[in-house]
């Protein structure tokens, strides 16, 4: 169960990173 939670958190973090990069590219403005 612990590994599943870690996998979910890793997937969420990866998705957020992709979204953040996409938004930054679209806006041409660095978001924190």
PDB file of N, CA and C in Angstrom:
ATOM      1  N   UNK A   1       0.841  -1.208   0.000  1.00  0.00           N
ATOM      2  CA  UNK A   1       0.000   0.000   0.000  1.00  0.00           C
ATOM      3  C   UNK A   1       0.871   1.252   0.000  1.00  0.00           C
ATOM      4  N   UNK A   2       1.959   1.210   0.758  1.00  0.00           N
ATOM      5  CA  UNK A   2       2.845   2.362   0.814  1.00  0.00           C
ATOM      6  C   UNK A   2       3.434   2.677  -0.554  1.00  0.00           C
ATOM      7  N   UNK A   3       3.825   1.602  -1.287  1.00  0.00           N
ATOM      8  CA  UNK A   3       4.406   1.815  -2.615  1.00  0.00           C
ATOM      9  C   UNK A   3       3.374   2.411  -3.557  1.00  0.00           C
ATOM     10  N   UNK A   4       2.127   2.005  -3.412  1.00  0.00           N
ATOM     11  CA  UNK A   4       1.067   2.538  -4.268  1.00  0.00           C
ATOM     12  C   UNK A   4       0.902   4.025  -4.052  1.00  0.00           C
ATOM     13  N   UNK A   5       0.958   4.432  -2.783  1.00  0.00           N
ATOM     14  CA  UNK A   5       0.812   5.855  -2.460  1.00  0.00           C
ATOM     15  C   UNK A   5       1.977   6.643  -3.057  1.00  0.00           C
ATOM     16  N   UNK A   6       3.183   6.093  -2.936  1.00  0.00           N
ATOM     17  CA  UNK A   6       4.354   6.773  -3.490  1.00  0.00           C
ATOM     18  C   UNK A   6       4.230   6.886  -5.001  1.00  0.00           C
ATOM     19  N   UNK A   7       3.712   5.841  -5.637  1.00  0.00           N
ATOM     20  CA  UNK A   7       3.555   5.859  -7.093  1.00  0.00           C
ATOM     21  C   UNK A   7       2.558   6.929  -7.501  1.00  0.00           C
ATOM     22  N   UNK A   8       1.476   7.045  -6.743  1.00  0.00           N
ATOM     23  CA  UNK A   8       0.457   8.054  -7.042  1.00  0.00           C
ATOM     24  C   UNK A   8       1.040   9.450  -6.875  1.00  0.00           C
ATOM     25  N   UNK A   9       1.792   9.651  -5.796  1.00  0.00           N
ATOM     26  CA  UNK A   9       2.385  10.968  -5.559  1.00  0.00           C
ATOM     27  C   UNK A   9       3.375  11.311  -6.663  1.00  0.00           C
ATOM     28  N   UNK A  10       4.146  10.324  -7.102  1.00  0.00           N
ATOM     29  CA  UNK A  10       5.119  10.556  -8.172  1.00  0.00           C
ATOM     30  C   UNK A  10       4.399  10.918  -9.462  1.00  0.00           C
ATOM     31  N   UNK A  11       3.292  10.233  -9.741  1.00  0.00           N
ATOM     32  CA  UNK A  11       2.527  10.504 -10.959  1.00  0.00           C
ATOM     33  C   UNK A  11       1.935  11.906 -10.913  1.00  0.00           C
ATOM     34  N   UNK A  12       1.420  12.287  -9.746  1.00  0.00           N
ATOM     35  CA  UNK A  12       0.834  13.623  -9.593  1.00  0.00           C
ATOM     36  C   UNK A  12       1.909  14.687  -9.771  1.00  0.00           C
ATOM     37  N   UNK A  13       3.066  14.475  -9.146  1.00  0.00           N
ATOM     38  CA  UNK A  13       4.158  15.447  -9.259  1.00  0.00           C
ATOM     39  C   UNK A  13       4.604  15.586 -10.708  1.00  0.00           C
ATOM     40  N   UNK A  14       4.672  14.458 -11.421  1.00  0.00           N
ATOM     41  CA  UNK A  14       5.087  14.492 -12.823  1.00  0.00           C
ATOM     42  C   UNK A  14       4.064  15.258 -13.647  1.00  0.00           C
ATOM     43  N   UNK A  15       2.780  15.002 -13.383  1.00  0.00           N
ATOM     44  CA  UNK A  15       1.718  15.683 -14.126  1.00  0.00           C
ATOM     45  C   UNK A  15       1.764  17.181 -13.863  1.00  0.00           C
ATOM     46  N   UNK A  16       1.979  17.557 -12.608  1.00  0.00           N
ATOM     47  CA  UNK A  16       2.035  18.981 -12.263  1.00  0.00           C
ATOM     48  C   UNK A  16       3.228  19.648 -12.941  1.00  0.00           C
ATOM     49  N   UNK A  17       4.336  18.933 -13.025  1.00  0.00           N
ATOM     50  CA  UNK A  17       5.522  19.493 -13.677  1.00  0.00           C
ATOM     51  C   UNK A  17       5.245  19.745 -15.151  1.00  0.00           C
ATOM     52  N   UNK A  18       4.568  18.786 -15.795  1.00  0.00           N
ATOM     53  CA  UNK A  18       4.242  18.931 -17.216  1.00  0.00           C
ATOM     54  C   UNK A  18       3.302  20.108 -17.417  1.00  0.00           C
ATOM     55  N   UNK A  19       2.284  20.203 -16.558  1.00  0.00           N
ATOM     56  CA  UNK A  19       1.316  21.298 -16.660  1.00  0.00           C
ATOM     57  C   UNK A  19       2.017  22.634 -16.454  1.00  0.00           C
ATOM     58  N   UNK A  20       2.893  22.682 -15.446  1.00  0.00           N
ATOM     59  CA  UNK A  20       3.604  23.918 -15.141  1.00  0.00           C
ATOM     60  C   UNK A  20       4.464  24.341 -16.337  1.00  0.00           C
ATOM     61  N   UNK A  21       5.173  23.373 -16.935  1.00  0.00           N
ATOM     62  CA  UNK A  21       6.014  23.690 -18.089  1.00  0.00           C
ATOM     63  C   UNK A  21       5.164  24.167 -19.257  1.00  0.00           C
ATOM     64  N   UNK A  22       4.015  23.533 -19.457  1.00  0.00           N
ATOM     65  CA  UNK A  22       3.128  23.909 -20.561  1.00  0.00           C
ATOM     66  C   UNK A  22       2.613  25.322 -20.371  1.00  0.00           C
ATOM     67  N   UNK A  23       2.203  25.640 -19.146  1.00  0.00           N
ATOM     68  CA  UNK A  23       1.690  26.980 -18.851  1.00  0.00           C
ATOM     69  C   UNK A  23       2.789  28.016 -19.029  1.00  0.00           C
ATOM     70  N   UNK A  24       3.983  27.709 -18.537  1.00  0.00           N
ATOM     71  CA  UNK A  24       5.106  28.645 -18.661  1.00  0.00           C
ATOM     72  C   UNK A  24       5.406  28.923 -20.126  1.00  0.00           C
ATOM     73  N   UNK A  25       5.374  27.884 -20.946  1.00  0.00           N
ATOM     74  CA  UNK A  25       5.656  28.039 -22.371  1.00  0.00           C
ATOM     75  C   UNK A  25       4.558  28.852 -23.037  1.00  0.00           C
ATOM     76  N   UNK A  26       3.317  28.584 -22.673  1.00  0.00           N
ATOM     77  CA  UNK A  26       2.186  29.280 -23.278  1.00  0.00           C
ATOM     78  C   UNK A  26       2.195  30.762 -22.915  1.00  0.00           C
ATOM     79  N   UNK A  27       2.539  31.060 -21.668  1.00  0.00           N
ATOM     80  CA  UNK A  27       2.508  32.449 -21.208  1.00  0.00           C
ATOM     81  C   UNK A  27       3.827  33.172 -21.436  1.00  0.00           C
ATOM     82  N   UNK A  28       4.887  32.376 -21.722  1.00  0.00           N
ATOM     83  CA  UNK A  28       6.226  32.948 -21.876  1.00  0.00           C
ATOM     84  C   UNK A  28       6.587  33.734 -20.617  1.00  0.00           C
ATOM     85  N   UNK A  29       6.115  33.243 -19.460  1.00  0.00           N
ATOM     86  CA  UNK A  29       6.365  33.925 -18.197  1.00  0.00           C
ATOM     87  C   UNK A  29       6.587  32.875 -17.121  1.00  0.00           C
ATOM     88  N   UNK A  30       7.690  32.957 -16.393  1.00  0.00           N
ATOM     89  CA  UNK A  30       8.007  31.941 -15.381  1.00  0.00           C
ATOM     90  C   UNK A  30       7.090  31.990 -14.164  1.00  0.00           C
ATOM     91  N   UNK A  31       6.409  30.887 -13.913  1.00  0.00           N
ATOM     92  CA  UNK A  31       5.564  30.789 -12.726  1.00  0.00           C
ATOM     93  C   UNK A  31       6.277  29.936 -11.695  1.00  0.00           C
ATOM     94  N   UNK A  32       6.093  30.251 -10.457  1.00  0.00           N
ATOM     95  CA  UNK A  32       6.738  29.486  -9.391  1.00  0.00           C
ATOM     96  C   UNK A  32       5.846  28.294  -9.044  1.00  0.00           C
TER      97      UNK A  32
END
